[in-house]
Amino acid sequence: MFFKVSVLVALAVAVSARPETPSYSPPSPSYSAPAHPSPSYGAPTYNDVPAQYNTQYAVSDEYSGNNFGHQEDRDGYKTQGTYYVQLPDGRLQKVTYYVDGESGFVAEVTYEGEAQYPAYEPSTSYQPAPAY
């Protein structure tokens, strides 16, 4: 009987010691915006001056037949130049252009040479493999 009484007393003590409301509360989230470092340099400044340049290039390849180029001069709002390309028919197409203020792009297209259309000659070196 002593054992039963001691178990009942232990149970009563445990029940009375238990709090009615749980003491655990989940942690409240604490968010902070990530720190953005400020740039360590100053923003670049550009002088507002009109463009001025002269550029050109040319390609002439005998093996492939490529022949083209471009040349342009610019001083402020005045631009002039020319470009050319060898056409497949043998002619050279040239475009000469200028832009002056608000005139827009004004171009003159010319052709040098006579268009050549050689007769078609099929290749005899290619022979398709027979299909069975």
N, C-alpha and C. Protein backbone atom coordinates (compact mmCIF):
# COMPACT_ATOMS: atom_id res chain seq x y z
N MET A 1 0.81 -1.17 0.00
CA MET A 1 0.00 0.00 0.00
C MET A 1 0.88 1.27 0.00
N PHE A 2 1.97 1.16 0.64
CA PHE A 2 2.88 2.30 0.68
C PHE A 2 3.30 2.67 -0.75
N PHE A 3 3.47 1.66 -1.57
CA PHE A 3 3.88 1.88 -2.94
C PHE A 3 2.80 2.63 -3.71
N LYS A 4 1.53 2.27 -3.51
CA LYS A 4 0.43 2.92 -4.20
C LYS A 4 0.33 4.37 -3.76
N VAL A 5 0.52 4.64 -2.49
CA VAL A 5 0.42 6.01 -1.98
C VAL A 5 1.55 6.85 -2.55
N SER A 6 2.75 6.30 -2.61
CA SER A 6 3.88 7.08 -3.12
C SER A 6 3.73 7.37 -4.60
N VAL A 7 3.16 6.45 -5.37
CA VAL A 7 2.92 6.68 -6.79
C VAL A 7 1.86 7.76 -6.95
N LEU A 8 0.79 7.71 -6.11
CA LEU A 8 -0.25 8.74 -6.20
C LEU A 8 0.30 10.10 -5.81
N VAL A 9 1.13 10.17 -4.81
CA VAL A 9 1.72 11.45 -4.38
C VAL A 9 2.63 11.99 -5.49
N ALA A 10 3.44 11.13 -6.11
CA ALA A 10 4.33 11.56 -7.19
C ALA A 10 3.54 12.06 -8.38
N LEU A 11 2.45 11.37 -8.66
CA LEU A 11 1.59 11.79 -9.77
C LEU A 11 0.92 13.12 -9.46
N ALA A 12 0.48 13.33 -8.25
CA ALA A 12 -0.15 14.59 -7.86
C ALA A 12 0.85 15.73 -7.93
N VAL A 13 2.08 15.48 -7.50
CA VAL A 13 3.12 16.53 -7.55
C VAL A 13 3.43 16.87 -8.99
N ALA A 14 3.52 15.87 -9.86
CA ALA A 14 3.83 16.12 -11.27
C ALA A 14 2.72 16.90 -11.94
N VAL A 15 1.46 16.59 -11.65
CA VAL A 15 0.32 17.29 -12.25
C VAL A 15 0.26 18.72 -11.74
N SER A 16 0.52 18.92 -10.46
CA SER A 16 0.44 20.28 -9.93
C SER A 16 1.62 21.13 -10.40
N ALA A 17 2.75 20.53 -10.71
CA ALA A 17 3.92 21.28 -11.15
C ALA A 17 3.83 21.65 -12.63
N ARG A 18 3.00 20.95 -13.36
CA ARG A 18 2.87 21.21 -14.79
C ARG A 18 2.14 22.53 -15.02
N PRO A 19 2.71 23.46 -15.80
CA PRO A 19 2.00 24.72 -16.08
C PRO A 19 0.83 24.47 -17.01
N GLU A 20 -0.18 25.31 -16.89
CA GLU A 20 -1.38 25.16 -17.70
C GLU A 20 -1.13 25.58 -19.16
N THR A 21 -0.33 26.59 -19.35
CA THR A 21 -0.02 27.03 -20.71
C THR A 21 1.43 26.70 -21.00
N PRO A 22 1.69 26.29 -22.20
CA PRO A 22 3.07 25.94 -22.51
C PRO A 22 3.95 27.19 -22.46
N SER A 23 5.16 27.02 -21.98
CA SER A 23 6.07 28.15 -21.87
C SER A 23 6.88 28.35 -23.15
N TYR A 24 6.73 27.45 -24.13
CA TYR A 24 7.49 27.56 -25.38
C TYR A 24 6.78 28.50 -26.34
N SER A 25 7.50 29.41 -26.89
CA SER A 25 6.96 30.24 -27.97
C SER A 25 8.00 30.25 -29.07
N PRO A 26 7.55 30.08 -30.30
CA PRO A 26 8.51 30.04 -31.41
C PRO A 26 9.21 31.39 -31.54
N PRO A 27 10.43 31.38 -32.02
CA PRO A 27 11.14 32.66 -32.16
C PRO A 27 10.48 33.51 -33.24
N SER A 28 10.40 34.77 -32.98
CA SER A 28 9.82 35.66 -33.98
C SER A 28 10.89 35.98 -35.01
N PRO A 29 10.51 35.89 -36.29
CA PRO A 29 11.51 36.15 -37.33
C PRO A 29 11.91 37.63 -37.34
N SER A 30 13.17 37.85 -37.51
CA SER A 30 13.64 39.24 -37.62
C SER A 30 14.41 39.35 -38.92
N TYR A 31 13.82 40.04 -39.88
CA TYR A 31 14.43 40.22 -41.19
C TYR A 31 14.92 41.65 -41.30
N SER A 32 16.07 41.79 -41.92
CA SER A 32 16.57 43.12 -42.22
C SER A 32 17.06 43.11 -43.66
N ALA A 33 16.86 44.20 -44.31
CA ALA A 33 17.26 44.30 -45.71
C ALA A 33 18.78 44.19 -45.80
N PRO A 34 19.25 43.50 -46.83
CA PRO A 34 20.70 43.39 -46.96
C PRO A 34 21.32 44.76 -47.21
N ALA A 35 22.47 44.94 -46.69
CA ALA A 35 23.16 46.23 -46.85
C ALA A 35 23.73 46.33 -48.25
N HIS A 36 23.43 47.41 -48.94
CA HIS A 36 23.98 47.67 -50.26
C HIS A 36 25.11 48.67 -50.11
N PRO A 37 26.31 48.24 -50.43
CA PRO A 37 27.42 49.19 -50.29
C PRO A 37 27.31 50.29 -51.33
N SER A 38 27.66 51.46 -50.95
CA SER A 38 27.64 52.55 -51.90
C SER A 38 28.89 52.45 -52.76
N PRO A 39 28.77 52.83 -54.03
CA PRO A 39 29.93 52.71 -54.91
C PRO A 39 31.09 53.57 -54.40
N SER A 40 32.27 53.06 -54.58
CA SER A 40 33.45 53.78 -54.10
C SER A 40 34.02 54.71 -55.17
N TYR A 41 33.31 54.88 -56.25
CA TYR A 41 33.78 55.76 -57.31
C TYR A 41 32.68 56.73 -57.67
N GLY A 42 33.05 57.79 -58.30
CA GLY A 42 32.05 58.76 -58.76
C GLY A 42 31.52 58.36 -60.11
N ALA A 43 30.32 58.77 -60.41
CA ALA A 43 29.73 58.48 -61.71
C ALA A 43 30.56 59.17 -62.79
N PRO A 44 30.78 58.49 -63.92
CA PRO A 44 31.59 59.12 -64.96
C PRO A 44 30.88 60.33 -65.56
N THR A 45 31.65 61.29 -65.92
CA THR A 45 31.10 62.48 -66.58
C THR A 45 31.67 62.51 -67.99
N TYR A 46 30.83 62.92 -68.91
CA TYR A 46 31.23 62.97 -70.31
C TYR A 46 31.03 64.39 -70.82
N ASN A 47 32.03 64.84 -71.53
CA ASN A 47 31.90 66.15 -72.15
C ASN A 47 30.96 66.03 -73.34
N ASP A 48 30.07 66.97 -73.47
CA ASP A 48 29.12 66.95 -74.58
C ASP A 48 29.74 67.67 -75.77
N VAL A 49 30.61 66.91 -76.46
CA VAL A 49 31.26 67.47 -77.64
C VAL A 49 30.84 66.67 -78.86
N PRO A 50 30.74 67.31 -80.00
CA PRO A 50 30.35 66.58 -81.22
C PRO A 50 31.43 65.55 -81.60
N ALA A 51 30.98 64.46 -82.19
CA ALA A 51 31.90 63.40 -82.60
C ALA A 51 32.78 63.88 -83.74
N GLN A 52 34.02 63.37 -83.75
CA GLN A 52 34.94 63.71 -84.83
C GLN A 52 35.85 62.50 -85.05
N TYR A 53 35.79 61.92 -86.26
CA TYR A 53 36.62 60.76 -86.55
C TYR A 53 36.77 60.57 -88.04
N ASN A 54 37.71 59.68 -88.40
CA ASN A 54 37.93 59.25 -89.77
C ASN A 54 38.26 57.77 -89.68
N THR A 55 37.53 56.95 -90.40
CA THR A 55 37.76 55.50 -90.35
C THR A 55 37.65 54.90 -91.74
N GLN A 56 38.37 53.80 -91.95
CA GLN A 56 38.27 53.11 -93.23
C GLN A 56 38.80 51.69 -93.10
N TYR A 57 38.31 50.82 -93.98
CA TYR A 57 38.82 49.46 -94.09
C TYR A 57 38.55 48.97 -95.50
N ALA A 58 39.32 47.96 -95.90
CA ALA A 58 39.14 47.37 -97.22
C ALA A 58 39.53 45.90 -97.16
N VAL A 59 38.80 45.06 -97.90
CA VAL A 59 39.09 43.64 -98.00
C VAL A 59 39.11 43.28 -99.48
N SER A 60 40.19 42.63 -99.90
CA SER A 60 40.29 42.17 -101.28
C SER A 60 40.93 40.78 -101.24
N ASP A 61 40.15 39.75 -101.51
CA ASP A 61 40.62 38.38 -101.45
C ASP A 61 40.42 37.74 -102.82
N GLU A 62 41.52 37.50 -103.53
CA GLU A 62 41.45 36.94 -104.88
C GLU A 62 40.85 35.53 -104.87
N TYR A 63 41.20 34.73 -103.87
CA TYR A 63 40.75 33.34 -103.85
C TYR A 63 39.23 33.24 -103.76
N SER A 64 38.63 33.98 -102.81
CA SER A 64 37.17 33.90 -102.63
C SER A 64 36.41 34.89 -103.50
N GLY A 65 37.10 35.88 -104.02
CA GLY A 65 36.43 36.89 -104.83
C GLY A 65 35.84 38.02 -104.01
N ASN A 66 36.07 38.00 -102.70
CA ASN A 66 35.55 39.08 -101.84
C ASN A 66 36.31 40.38 -102.11
N ASN A 67 35.56 41.44 -102.28
CA ASN A 67 36.14 42.76 -102.50
C ASN A 67 35.13 43.76 -101.96
N PHE A 68 35.41 44.32 -100.78
CA PHE A 68 34.50 45.30 -100.19
C PHE A 68 35.28 46.22 -99.27
N GLY A 69 34.70 47.36 -98.97
CA GLY A 69 35.36 48.32 -98.09
C GLY A 69 34.44 49.45 -97.70
N HIS A 70 34.95 50.30 -96.82
CA HIS A 70 34.16 51.40 -96.28
C HIS A 70 35.12 52.50 -95.84
N GLN A 71 34.74 53.74 -96.06
CA GLN A 71 35.49 54.90 -95.61
C GLN A 71 34.48 55.93 -95.14
N GLU A 72 34.73 56.56 -93.97
CA GLU A 72 33.80 57.56 -93.45
C GLU A 72 34.56 58.63 -92.68
N ASP A 73 34.14 59.89 -92.87
CA ASP A 73 34.66 61.04 -92.13
C ASP A 73 33.49 61.68 -91.42
N ARG A 74 33.72 62.06 -90.15
CA ARG A 74 32.68 62.75 -89.41
C ARG A 74 33.30 63.91 -88.65
N ASP A 75 32.61 65.04 -88.73
CA ASP A 75 33.01 66.23 -87.99
C ASP A 75 31.73 66.86 -87.46
N GLY A 76 31.42 66.56 -86.20
CA GLY A 76 30.19 67.08 -85.62
C GLY A 76 28.98 66.41 -86.23
N TYR A 77 28.10 67.23 -86.81
CA TYR A 77 26.89 66.67 -87.41
C TYR A 77 27.05 66.44 -88.91
N LYS A 78 28.23 66.68 -89.45
CA LYS A 78 28.48 66.46 -90.87
C LYS A 78 29.23 65.15 -91.04
N THR A 79 28.63 64.25 -91.80
CA THR A 79 29.24 62.94 -92.05
C THR A 79 29.20 62.68 -93.54
N GLN A 80 30.29 62.13 -94.06
CA GLN A 80 30.32 61.73 -95.46
C GLN A 80 31.17 60.48 -95.58
N GLY A 81 30.84 59.66 -96.56
CA GLY A 81 31.60 58.44 -96.73
C GLY A 81 31.18 57.68 -97.96
N THR A 82 31.80 56.53 -98.11
CA THR A 82 31.50 55.66 -99.23
C THR A 82 31.76 54.22 -98.82
N TYR A 83 30.99 53.32 -99.37
CA TYR A 83 31.27 51.90 -99.20
C TYR A 83 31.00 51.20 -100.52
N TYR A 84 31.68 50.08 -100.71
CA TYR A 84 31.55 49.36 -101.97
C TYR A 84 31.60 47.87 -101.70
N VAL A 85 31.05 47.11 -102.67
CA VAL A 85 31.05 45.65 -102.58
C VAL A 85 31.04 45.08 -104.00
N GLN A 86 31.82 44.02 -104.17
CA GLN A 86 31.83 43.30 -105.45
C GLN A 86 30.62 42.39 -105.49
N LEU A 87 29.76 42.56 -106.48
CA LEU A 87 28.53 41.77 -106.59
C LEU A 87 28.82 40.43 -107.28
N PRO A 88 27.99 39.43 -107.07
CA PRO A 88 28.20 38.12 -107.70
C PRO A 88 28.19 38.17 -109.23
N ASP A 89 27.53 39.18 -109.81
CA ASP A 89 27.48 39.27 -111.28
C ASP A 89 28.71 39.98 -111.85
N GLY A 90 29.67 40.33 -111.00
CA GLY A 90 30.91 40.93 -111.48
C GLY A 90 30.97 42.45 -111.36
N ARG A 91 29.86 43.09 -111.12
CA ARG A 91 29.87 44.55 -111.00
C ARG A 91 30.35 44.96 -109.61
N LEU A 92 30.82 46.20 -109.51
CA LEU A 92 31.20 46.79 -108.23
C LEU A 92 30.13 47.82 -107.88
N GLN A 93 29.45 47.62 -106.77
CA GLN A 93 28.41 48.55 -106.32
C GLN A 93 29.05 49.52 -105.33
N LYS A 94 28.87 50.83 -105.61
CA LYS A 94 29.40 51.87 -104.74
C LYS A 94 28.26 52.72 -104.21
N VAL A 95 28.33 53.03 -102.92
CA VAL A 95 27.35 53.92 -102.31
C VAL A 95 28.13 55.07 -101.71
N THR A 96 27.86 56.28 -102.19
CA THR A 96 28.46 57.49 -101.64
C THR A 96 27.35 58.23 -100.91
N TYR A 97 27.62 58.65 -99.68
CA TYR A 97 26.56 59.24 -98.86
C TYR A 97 27.09 60.41 -98.05
N TYR A 98 26.12 61.19 -97.56
CA TYR A 98 26.43 62.26 -96.62
C TYR A 98 25.23 62.51 -95.73
N VAL A 99 25.52 63.07 -94.58
CA VAL A 99 24.51 63.53 -93.64
C VAL A 99 24.99 64.90 -93.18
N ASP A 100 24.12 65.90 -93.31
CA ASP A 100 24.51 67.26 -92.93
C ASP A 100 23.38 67.86 -92.09
N GLY A 101 23.55 67.84 -90.77
CA GLY A 101 22.52 68.39 -89.89
C GLY A 101 21.26 67.57 -89.97
N GLU A 102 20.17 68.21 -90.39
CA GLU A 102 18.89 67.52 -90.44
C GLU A 102 18.53 67.00 -91.82
N SER A 103 19.50 66.91 -92.72
CA SER A 103 19.21 66.46 -94.08
C SER A 103 18.85 64.98 -94.11
N GLY A 104 19.29 64.24 -93.11
CA GLY A 104 19.07 62.80 -93.13
C GLY A 104 20.14 62.14 -93.96
N PHE A 105 19.99 60.87 -94.18
CA PHE A 105 20.96 60.07 -94.94
C PHE A 105 20.67 60.24 -96.42
N VAL A 106 21.60 60.85 -97.14
CA VAL A 106 21.44 61.06 -98.58
C VAL A 106 22.49 60.21 -99.28
N ALA A 107 22.05 59.29 -100.12
CA ALA A 107 22.97 58.35 -100.75
C ALA A 107 22.83 58.36 -102.26
N GLU A 108 23.94 58.09 -102.92
CA GLU A 108 23.96 57.92 -104.37
C GLU A 108 24.59 56.56 -104.65
N VAL A 109 23.86 55.70 -105.36
CA VAL A 109 24.33 54.35 -105.65
C VAL A 109 24.75 54.28 -107.11
N THR A 110 25.97 53.79 -107.34
CA THR A 110 26.47 53.63 -108.71
C THR A 110 27.02 52.22 -108.87
N TYR A 111 27.13 51.81 -110.12
CA TYR A 111 27.67 50.49 -110.45
C TYR A 111 28.78 50.66 -111.47
N GLU A 112 29.85 49.89 -111.29
CA GLU A 112 30.97 49.90 -112.24
C GLU A 112 31.07 48.51 -112.85
N GLY A 113 31.27 48.48 -114.15
CA GLY A 113 31.41 47.19 -114.84
C GLY A 113 30.11 46.74 -115.46
N GLU A 114 30.20 45.63 -116.17
CA GLU A 114 29.06 45.05 -116.87
C GLU A 114 28.69 43.74 -116.18
N ALA A 115 27.40 43.52 -115.97
CA ALA A 115 26.95 42.29 -115.33
C ALA A 115 27.27 41.10 -116.23
N GLN A 116 27.84 40.06 -115.67
CA GLN A 116 28.22 38.87 -116.41
C GLN A 116 27.41 37.69 -115.87
N TYR A 117 26.82 36.95 -116.79
CA TYR A 117 26.07 35.75 -116.41
C TYR A 117 26.60 34.59 -117.23
N PRO A 118 27.64 33.93 -116.74
CA PRO A 118 28.21 32.81 -117.53
C PRO A 118 27.22 31.65 -117.62
N ALA A 119 27.36 30.90 -118.70
CA ALA A 119 26.47 29.75 -118.91
C ALA A 119 26.74 28.71 -117.83
N TYR A 120 25.67 28.05 -117.43
CA TYR A 120 25.77 27.03 -116.39
C TYR A 120 26.43 25.78 -116.96
N GLU A 121 27.45 25.31 -116.26
CA GLU A 121 28.12 24.08 -116.65
C GLU A 121 28.11 23.15 -115.45
N PRO A 122 27.33 22.09 -115.50
CA PRO A 122 27.27 21.18 -114.35
C PRO A 122 28.60 20.47 -114.16
N SER A 123 28.91 20.21 -112.93
CA SER A 123 30.15 19.53 -112.59
C SER A 123 30.02 18.05 -112.91
N THR A 124 31.06 17.48 -113.54
CA THR A 124 31.03 16.05 -113.86
C THR A 124 31.78 15.24 -112.82
N SER A 125 32.41 15.89 -111.87
CA SER A 125 33.20 15.16 -110.87
C SER A 125 32.32 14.54 -109.78
N TYR A 126 31.12 15.02 -109.60
CA TYR A 126 30.25 14.47 -108.56
C TYR A 126 29.37 13.39 -109.16
N GLN A 127 29.41 12.22 -108.58
CA GLN A 127 28.56 11.12 -109.00
C GLN A 127 27.85 10.60 -107.76
N PRO A 128 26.51 10.70 -107.70
CA PRO A 128 25.81 10.20 -106.51
C PRO A 128 25.96 8.67 -106.40
N ALA A 129 26.04 8.22 -105.17
CA ALA A 129 26.13 6.78 -104.92
C ALA A 129 24.79 6.14 -105.22
N PRO A 130 24.80 4.95 -105.79
CA PRO A 130 23.52 4.28 -106.09
C PRO A 130 22.78 3.91 -104.79
N ALA A 131 21.51 4.05 -104.81
CA ALA A 131 20.66 3.70 -103.65
C ALA A 131 19.93 2.41 -103.97
N TYR A 132 19.99 1.47 -103.08
CA TYR A 132 19.33 0.18 -103.29
C TYR A 132 18.17 0.03 -102.38
